[in-house]
Structure formats: structure tokens, C-alpha cells
């Protein structure tokens, strides 16, 4: 998936061209690999190892904190802070995914599945599937 550069990204890194940027999936895959490599390591050796050792509660708490900080940054309209807080949120979501044996490819596959579906259609489909599950 090639994610176009936003105006915010261009304002933060005006000297970087889109062609010079690594693909979004590659960045996510590298982060996921680093997070995966921290599983089972000494919690005093890294922040991620400490979060994973105390997962899921520690990770879920951090996601809640980072989501709140992201919302606050967005409410303030501070573009650089919005990007920074969203990066923190995404990072902690990657840690959560790793805890549950998932990775960014799982989320990207779900986004690809939804691509082209209207939000209203997708929501109606989820409700229909949930109703079928309740009746089974």
C-alpha cells in the first residue's frame, strides 16, 4: 500500500521527497520485527520488553493514554503534535498486535478488504454477520 504524503508530513520533513521515503509497509514491518525480537527478553533491557512482560494490561493502558493524547492534539489543531501522538498510538498498537500474535499485515489486509466499500455498507455487513452469529 502506497500512502501518499500528507501536507503535515511535508511540513515536518520538507527536505524529503516522496521517492526517497521507504514504503509504509516496510516501516511497519521493520517496527513489527523489532517488537517481535523483544518478546521474552529481559524487561529491564527495553521499554517494549517491559510492556510485553506486563501485557496485555500495560499495553492496553498505554494505548488508552496515547489515544487520549492524540485526540487532545487534534482538538488543539497542532499538526506536528497530531503526527507525533499518532505515531505513539500506532507504535503501541503494534506492541498490542504482537502480544496477540498479530502484525501490521493483518491490519493492512483488513483495510484492503474494506477498500472500496462504503462505510455504511461495511457497518451494515458487520451487523448482519453479528446477527447471524447470534442466531447460530
N, C-alpha and C. Protein backbone atom coordinates (compact mmCIF):
# COMPACT_ATOMS: atom_id res chain seq x y z
N UNK A 1 0.85 -1.16 0.00
CA UNK A 1 0.00 0.00 0.00
C UNK A 1 0.89 1.22 0.00
N UNK A 2 0.71 2.10 -0.96
CA UNK A 2 1.49 3.32 -1.03
C UNK A 2 0.67 4.45 -0.46
N UNK A 3 1.06 4.95 0.69
CA UNK A 3 0.32 6.00 1.35
C UNK A 3 0.90 7.34 0.90
N UNK A 4 0.06 8.21 0.30
CA UNK A 4 0.58 9.49 -0.16
C UNK A 4 1.00 10.36 1.01
N UNK A 5 1.99 11.21 0.77
CA UNK A 5 2.45 12.14 1.80
C UNK A 5 1.38 13.18 2.06
N UNK A 6 1.13 13.45 3.31
CA UNK A 6 0.18 14.49 3.67
C UNK A 6 0.90 15.83 3.72
N UNK A 7 0.12 16.89 3.73
CA UNK A 7 0.70 18.22 3.89
C UNK A 7 1.46 18.32 5.20
N UNK A 8 0.91 17.66 6.24
CA UNK A 8 1.57 17.70 7.54
C UNK A 8 2.94 17.04 7.47
N UNK A 9 3.02 15.90 6.81
CA UNK A 9 4.31 15.21 6.68
C UNK A 9 5.28 16.07 5.88
N UNK A 10 4.80 16.72 4.85
CA UNK A 10 5.67 17.57 4.04
C UNK A 10 6.15 18.76 4.84
N UNK A 11 5.29 19.31 5.72
CA UNK A 11 5.71 20.46 6.51
C UNK A 11 6.71 20.06 7.59
N UNK A 12 6.63 18.83 8.06
CA UNK A 12 7.55 18.36 9.09
C UNK A 12 8.89 17.98 8.46
N UNK A 13 8.85 17.38 7.27
CA UNK A 13 10.06 16.93 6.58
C UNK A 13 10.08 17.49 5.16
N UNK A 14 10.19 18.82 4.99
CA UNK A 14 10.11 19.40 3.66
C UNK A 14 11.25 19.00 2.74
N UNK A 15 12.39 18.56 3.31
CA UNK A 15 13.54 18.20 2.51
C UNK A 15 13.47 16.77 1.96
N UNK A 16 12.52 15.99 2.42
CA UNK A 16 12.41 14.59 1.97
C UNK A 16 11.39 14.51 0.85
N UNK A 17 11.77 13.84 -0.20
CA UNK A 17 10.84 13.66 -1.31
C UNK A 17 10.11 12.35 -1.14
N UNK A 18 8.97 12.24 -1.80
CA UNK A 18 8.18 11.01 -1.69
C UNK A 18 8.98 9.82 -2.20
N UNK A 19 9.75 10.01 -3.25
CA UNK A 19 10.52 8.91 -3.83
C UNK A 19 11.57 8.39 -2.85
N UNK A 20 12.08 9.27 -1.99
CA UNK A 20 13.13 8.87 -1.05
C UNK A 20 12.57 8.15 0.17
N UNK A 21 11.27 8.26 0.38
CA UNK A 21 10.66 7.63 1.55
C UNK A 21 10.53 6.14 1.39
N UNK A 22 10.78 5.38 2.46
CA UNK A 22 10.52 3.94 2.37
C UNK A 22 9.02 3.69 2.32
N UNK A 23 8.63 2.58 1.75
CA UNK A 23 7.22 2.21 1.68
C UNK A 23 6.67 2.07 3.11
N UNK A 24 5.42 2.47 3.28
CA UNK A 24 4.80 2.41 4.60
C UNK A 24 4.84 1.01 5.17
N UNK A 25 4.56 0.02 4.32
CA UNK A 25 4.58 -1.36 4.82
C UNK A 25 5.95 -1.76 5.34
N UNK A 26 6.99 -1.29 4.67
CA UNK A 26 8.35 -1.65 5.09
C UNK A 26 8.65 -1.07 6.46
N UNK A 27 8.22 0.15 6.70
CA UNK A 27 8.44 0.77 8.01
C UNK A 27 7.70 -0.02 9.08
N UNK A 28 6.43 -0.33 8.81
CA UNK A 28 5.63 -1.09 9.78
C UNK A 28 6.23 -2.48 10.00
N UNK A 29 6.69 -3.12 8.92
CA UNK A 29 7.28 -4.46 9.05
C UNK A 29 8.56 -4.41 9.89
N UNK A 30 9.39 -3.40 9.68
CA UNK A 30 10.62 -3.29 10.48
C UNK A 30 10.30 -3.05 11.95
N UNK A 31 9.35 -2.16 12.22
CA UNK A 31 8.95 -1.93 13.61
C UNK A 31 8.40 -3.21 14.24
N UNK A 32 7.56 -3.91 13.49
CA UNK A 32 6.99 -5.17 14.00
C UNK A 32 8.08 -6.19 14.29
N UNK A 33 9.09 -6.24 13.44
CA UNK A 33 10.20 -7.19 13.65
C UNK A 33 10.98 -6.84 14.91
N UNK A 34 11.22 -5.56 15.14
CA UNK A 34 11.92 -5.15 16.36
C UNK A 34 11.08 -5.50 17.59
N UNK A 35 9.79 -5.21 17.52
CA UNK A 35 8.90 -5.53 18.65
C UNK A 35 8.91 -7.04 18.90
N UNK A 36 8.79 -7.81 17.85
CA UNK A 36 8.80 -9.28 17.97
C UNK A 36 10.10 -9.77 18.60
N UNK A 37 11.21 -9.14 18.25
CA UNK A 37 12.51 -9.56 18.79
C UNK A 37 12.64 -9.28 20.28
N UNK A 38 11.79 -8.41 20.81
CA UNK A 38 11.83 -8.08 22.24
C UNK A 38 11.02 -9.04 23.09
N UNK A 39 10.18 -9.88 22.44
CA UNK A 39 9.38 -10.84 23.20
C UNK A 39 10.30 -11.77 23.98
N UNK A 40 10.00 -11.94 25.25
CA UNK A 40 10.75 -12.87 26.08
C UNK A 40 12.11 -12.38 26.52
N UNK A 41 12.48 -11.15 26.17
CA UNK A 41 13.77 -10.63 26.63
C UNK A 41 13.60 -9.99 28.01
N UNK A 42 14.70 -9.69 28.63
CA UNK A 42 14.72 -9.11 29.97
C UNK A 42 13.95 -7.78 29.97
N UNK A 43 12.90 -7.69 30.79
CA UNK A 43 12.10 -6.46 30.84
C UNK A 43 12.90 -5.22 31.21
N UNK A 44 14.02 -5.40 31.86
CA UNK A 44 14.84 -4.22 32.21
C UNK A 44 15.71 -3.79 31.03
N UNK A 45 15.70 -4.58 29.97
CA UNK A 45 16.57 -4.28 28.82
C UNK A 45 15.93 -3.36 27.79
N UNK A 46 14.60 -3.29 27.77
CA UNK A 46 13.95 -2.42 26.79
C UNK A 46 12.53 -2.08 27.22
N UNK A 47 12.08 -0.96 26.74
CA UNK A 47 10.72 -0.49 27.00
C UNK A 47 9.70 -1.49 26.48
N UNK A 48 9.91 -1.97 25.25
CA UNK A 48 8.97 -2.92 24.65
C UNK A 48 8.94 -4.22 25.43
N UNK A 49 10.10 -4.71 25.84
CA UNK A 49 10.15 -5.95 26.63
C UNK A 49 9.38 -5.78 27.93
N UNK A 50 9.48 -4.60 28.54
CA UNK A 50 8.75 -4.33 29.78
C UNK A 50 7.25 -4.31 29.53
N UNK A 51 6.82 -3.64 28.45
CA UNK A 51 5.38 -3.63 28.12
C UNK A 51 4.87 -5.04 27.88
N UNK A 52 5.61 -5.81 27.09
CA UNK A 52 5.18 -7.17 26.75
C UNK A 52 5.15 -8.08 27.98
N UNK A 53 6.09 -7.88 28.90
CA UNK A 53 6.12 -8.70 30.12
C UNK A 53 4.90 -8.45 30.99
N UNK A 54 4.33 -7.26 30.87
CA UNK A 54 3.17 -6.89 31.68
C UNK A 54 1.88 -6.86 30.86
N UNK A 55 1.95 -7.39 29.65
CA UNK A 55 0.78 -7.37 28.75
C UNK A 55 -0.27 -8.36 29.21
N UNK A 56 -1.51 -8.14 28.89
CA UNK A 56 -1.98 -7.08 28.00
C UNK A 56 -2.27 -5.77 28.71
N UNK A 57 -2.43 -5.78 30.04
CA UNK A 57 -2.88 -4.57 30.73
C UNK A 57 -1.99 -3.35 30.47
N UNK A 58 -0.66 -3.53 30.55
CA UNK A 58 0.23 -2.39 30.37
C UNK A 58 0.11 -1.80 28.97
N UNK A 59 -0.01 -2.66 27.98
CA UNK A 59 -0.11 -2.20 26.59
C UNK A 59 -1.44 -1.51 26.36
N UNK A 60 -2.50 -2.10 26.86
CA UNK A 60 -3.83 -1.51 26.66
C UNK A 60 -3.95 -0.17 27.36
N UNK A 61 -3.35 -0.05 28.52
CA UNK A 61 -3.34 1.23 29.24
C UNK A 61 -2.61 2.29 28.42
N UNK A 62 -1.45 1.92 27.85
CA UNK A 62 -0.69 2.86 27.04
C UNK A 62 -1.47 3.27 25.79
N UNK A 63 -2.19 2.34 25.19
CA UNK A 63 -3.00 2.68 24.02
C UNK A 63 -4.06 3.69 24.40
N UNK A 64 -4.70 3.49 25.55
CA UNK A 64 -5.69 4.45 26.02
C UNK A 64 -5.09 5.83 26.24
N UNK A 65 -3.92 5.86 26.87
CA UNK A 65 -3.24 7.13 27.12
C UNK A 65 -2.89 7.82 25.80
N UNK A 66 -2.31 7.05 24.88
CA UNK A 66 -1.88 7.63 23.61
C UNK A 66 -3.07 8.07 22.77
N UNK A 67 -4.18 7.34 22.82
CA UNK A 67 -5.38 7.74 22.09
C UNK A 67 -5.90 9.07 22.63
N UNK A 68 -5.90 9.21 23.95
CA UNK A 68 -6.34 10.46 24.56
C UNK A 68 -5.43 11.62 24.15
N UNK A 69 -4.12 11.39 24.17
CA UNK A 69 -3.18 12.43 23.78
C UNK A 69 -3.34 12.80 22.29
N UNK A 70 -3.66 11.81 21.47
CA UNK A 70 -3.89 12.07 20.05
C UNK A 70 -5.13 12.94 19.86
N UNK A 71 -6.19 12.62 20.58
CA UNK A 71 -7.42 13.41 20.49
C UNK A 71 -7.15 14.84 20.97
N UNK A 72 -6.42 14.99 22.06
CA UNK A 72 -6.12 16.32 22.58
C UNK A 72 -5.31 17.14 21.57
N UNK A 73 -4.34 16.50 20.94
CA UNK A 73 -3.53 17.19 19.93
C UNK A 73 -4.41 17.61 18.75
N UNK A 74 -5.32 16.73 18.35
CA UNK A 74 -6.21 17.05 17.24
C UNK A 74 -7.15 18.21 17.61
N UNK A 75 -7.66 18.18 18.83
CA UNK A 75 -8.53 19.27 19.28
C UNK A 75 -7.79 20.60 19.26
N UNK A 76 -6.50 20.58 19.59
CA UNK A 76 -5.69 21.80 19.59
C UNK A 76 -5.27 22.20 18.18
N UNK A 77 -5.41 21.27 17.23
CA UNK A 77 -5.07 21.57 15.84
C UNK A 77 -3.58 21.71 15.58
N UNK A 78 -2.77 21.14 16.45
CA UNK A 78 -1.31 21.24 16.31
C UNK A 78 -0.81 20.10 15.44
N UNK A 79 -0.56 20.39 14.17
CA UNK A 79 -0.25 19.37 13.18
C UNK A 79 0.93 18.48 13.57
N UNK A 80 2.03 19.08 14.00
CA UNK A 80 3.20 18.27 14.36
C UNK A 80 2.90 17.38 15.55
N UNK A 81 2.15 17.91 16.52
CA UNK A 81 1.79 17.10 17.69
C UNK A 81 0.82 15.99 17.31
N UNK A 82 -0.09 16.28 16.38
CA UNK A 82 -1.02 15.24 15.91
C UNK A 82 -0.23 14.08 15.32
N UNK A 83 0.76 14.40 14.48
CA UNK A 83 1.57 13.35 13.86
C UNK A 83 2.36 12.59 14.91
N UNK A 84 2.98 13.30 15.83
CA UNK A 84 3.80 12.65 16.87
C UNK A 84 2.95 11.75 17.76
N UNK A 85 1.79 12.24 18.19
CA UNK A 85 0.94 11.44 19.06
C UNK A 85 0.34 10.25 18.31
N UNK A 86 0.02 10.44 17.04
CA UNK A 86 -0.49 9.32 16.25
C UNK A 86 0.60 8.26 16.08
N UNK A 87 1.83 8.69 15.89
CA UNK A 87 2.94 7.73 15.81
C UNK A 87 3.06 6.94 17.10
N UNK A 88 2.94 7.62 18.24
CA UNK A 88 2.97 6.91 19.54
C UNK A 88 1.83 5.90 19.63
N UNK A 89 0.65 6.31 19.21
CA UNK A 89 -0.52 5.43 19.26
C UNK A 89 -0.31 4.22 18.36
N UNK A 90 0.13 4.44 17.14
CA UNK A 90 0.36 3.33 16.21
C UNK A 90 1.41 2.38 16.77
N UNK A 91 2.49 2.94 17.34
CA UNK A 91 3.55 2.09 17.90
C UNK A 91 2.99 1.18 18.98
N UNK A 92 2.22 1.74 19.90
CA UNK A 92 1.67 0.92 20.98
C UNK A 92 0.65 -0.09 20.46
N UNK A 93 -0.05 0.26 19.39
CA UNK A 93 -0.95 -0.71 18.75
C UNK A 93 -0.15 -1.85 18.14
N UNK A 94 1.03 -1.56 17.59
CA UNK A 94 1.89 -2.63 17.06
C UNK A 94 2.34 -3.56 18.19
N UNK A 95 2.64 -3.00 19.35
CA UNK A 95 3.02 -3.83 20.51
C UNK A 95 1.84 -4.73 20.90
N UNK A 96 0.63 -4.17 20.91
CA UNK A 96 -0.56 -4.96 21.24
C UNK A 96 -0.75 -6.08 20.23
N UNK A 97 -0.63 -5.75 18.95
CA UNK A 97 -0.78 -6.77 17.92
C UNK A 97 0.22 -7.90 18.14
N UNK A 98 1.46 -7.56 18.43
CA UNK A 98 2.49 -8.58 18.66
C UNK A 98 2.12 -9.47 19.85
N UNK A 99 1.60 -8.86 20.89
CA UNK A 99 1.19 -9.65 22.07
C UNK A 99 0.17 -10.71 21.69
N UNK A 100 -0.73 -10.36 20.78
CA UNK A 100 -1.79 -11.29 20.37
C UNK A 100 -1.42 -12.12 19.15
N UNK A 101 -0.13 -12.12 18.77
CA UNK A 101 0.31 -12.93 17.65
C UNK A 101 -0.11 -12.38 16.30
N UNK A 102 -0.36 -11.10 16.24
CA UNK A 102 -0.77 -10.44 15.01
C UNK A 102 0.29 -9.44 14.59
N UNK A 103 0.14 -8.89 13.41
CA UNK A 103 1.08 -7.89 12.94
C UNK A 103 0.41 -6.89 12.02
N UNK A 104 1.18 -5.94 11.55
CA UNK A 104 0.61 -4.91 10.68
C UNK A 104 0.00 -5.48 9.40
N UNK A 105 0.53 -6.58 8.91
CA UNK A 105 -0.05 -7.19 7.70
C UNK A 105 -1.50 -7.61 7.92
N UNK A 106 -1.82 -8.05 9.13
CA UNK A 106 -3.21 -8.43 9.43
C UNK A 106 -4.13 -7.22 9.32
N UNK A 107 -3.69 -6.09 9.84
CA UNK A 107 -4.50 -4.88 9.79
C UNK A 107 -4.57 -4.35 8.36
N UNK A 108 -3.44 -4.37 7.66
CA UNK A 108 -3.43 -3.91 6.27
C UNK A 108 -4.33 -4.78 5.40
N UNK A 109 -4.37 -6.07 5.65
CA UNK A 109 -5.25 -6.96 4.90
C UNK A 109 -6.72 -6.62 5.16
N UNK A 110 -7.03 -6.29 6.40
CA UNK A 110 -8.41 -5.91 6.72
C UNK A 110 -8.78 -4.58 6.05
N UNK A 111 -7.85 -3.63 6.06
CA UNK A 111 -8.11 -2.36 5.38
C UNK A 111 -8.28 -2.58 3.88
N UNK A 112 -7.47 -3.45 3.30
CA UNK A 112 -7.60 -3.76 1.87
C UNK A 112 -8.95 -4.41 1.59
N UNK A 113 -9.39 -5.28 2.49
CA UNK A 113 -10.68 -5.93 2.32
C UNK A 113 -11.80 -4.90 2.31
N UNK A 114 -11.68 -3.89 3.14
CA UNK A 114 -12.71 -2.86 3.24
C UNK A 114 -12.63 -1.81 2.14
N UNK A 115 -11.49 -1.75 1.48
CA UNK A 115 -11.29 -0.73 0.46
C UNK A 115 -12.37 -0.83 -0.61
N UNK A 116 -12.94 0.28 -0.96
CA UNK A 116 -13.99 0.29 -1.97
C UNK A 116 -15.38 0.09 -1.41
N UNK A 117 -15.48 -0.36 -0.17
CA UNK A 117 -16.79 -0.49 0.49
C UNK A 117 -17.13 0.86 1.12
N UNK A 118 -18.35 1.26 1.00
CA UNK A 118 -18.72 2.47 1.72
C UNK A 118 -18.76 2.14 3.20
N UNK A 119 -18.52 3.12 4.02
CA UNK A 119 -18.56 2.90 5.47
C UNK A 119 -19.91 2.40 5.93
N UNK A 120 -20.96 2.91 5.31
CA UNK A 120 -22.31 2.48 5.69
C UNK A 120 -22.55 1.02 5.31
N UNK A 121 -22.08 0.63 4.11
CA UNK A 121 -22.24 -0.76 3.68
C UNK A 121 -21.44 -1.70 4.58
N UNK A 122 -20.22 -1.30 4.90
CA UNK A 122 -19.35 -2.14 5.72
C UNK A 122 -19.95 -2.32 7.11
N UNK A 123 -20.49 -1.26 7.68
CA UNK A 123 -21.11 -1.34 9.01
C UNK A 123 -22.34 -2.24 8.97
N UNK A 124 -23.17 -2.12 7.93
CA UNK A 124 -24.36 -2.96 7.79
C UNK A 124 -23.96 -4.43 7.64
N UNK A 125 -22.88 -4.69 6.91
CA UNK A 125 -22.40 -6.06 6.73
C UNK A 125 -21.96 -6.65 8.07
N UNK A 126 -21.22 -5.86 8.87
CA UNK A 126 -20.79 -6.34 10.18
C UNK A 126 -21.99 -6.65 11.08
N UNK A 127 -23.01 -5.80 11.04
CA UNK A 127 -24.21 -6.03 11.85
C UNK A 127 -24.92 -7.31 11.41
N UNK A 128 -25.02 -7.53 10.10
CA UNK A 128 -25.68 -8.73 9.59
C UNK A 128 -24.91 -9.98 10.02
N UNK A 129 -23.60 -9.94 9.95
CA UNK A 129 -22.78 -11.08 10.36
C UNK A 129 -22.96 -11.34 11.85
N UNK A 130 -23.00 -10.28 12.65
CA UNK A 130 -23.20 -10.43 14.10
C UNK A 130 -24.55 -11.05 14.41
N UNK A 131 -25.59 -10.62 13.67
CA UNK A 131 -26.93 -11.20 13.88
C UNK A 131 -26.95 -12.69 13.53
N UNK A 132 -26.25 -13.05 12.44
CA UNK A 132 -26.19 -14.47 12.05
C UNK A 132 -25.50 -15.29 13.13
N UNK A 133 -24.45 -14.74 13.72
CA UNK A 133 -23.72 -15.42 14.79
C UNK A 133 -24.58 -15.61 16.02
N UNK A 134 -25.42 -14.64 16.32
CA UNK A 134 -26.31 -14.76 17.49
C UNK A 134 -27.37 -15.80 17.28
N UNK A 135 -27.82 -15.99 16.03
CA UNK A 135 -28.88 -16.94 15.73
C UNK A 135 -28.35 -18.37 15.62
N UNK A 136 -27.06 -18.50 15.41
CA UNK A 136 -26.49 -19.85 15.23
C UNK A 136 -26.35 -20.59 16.52
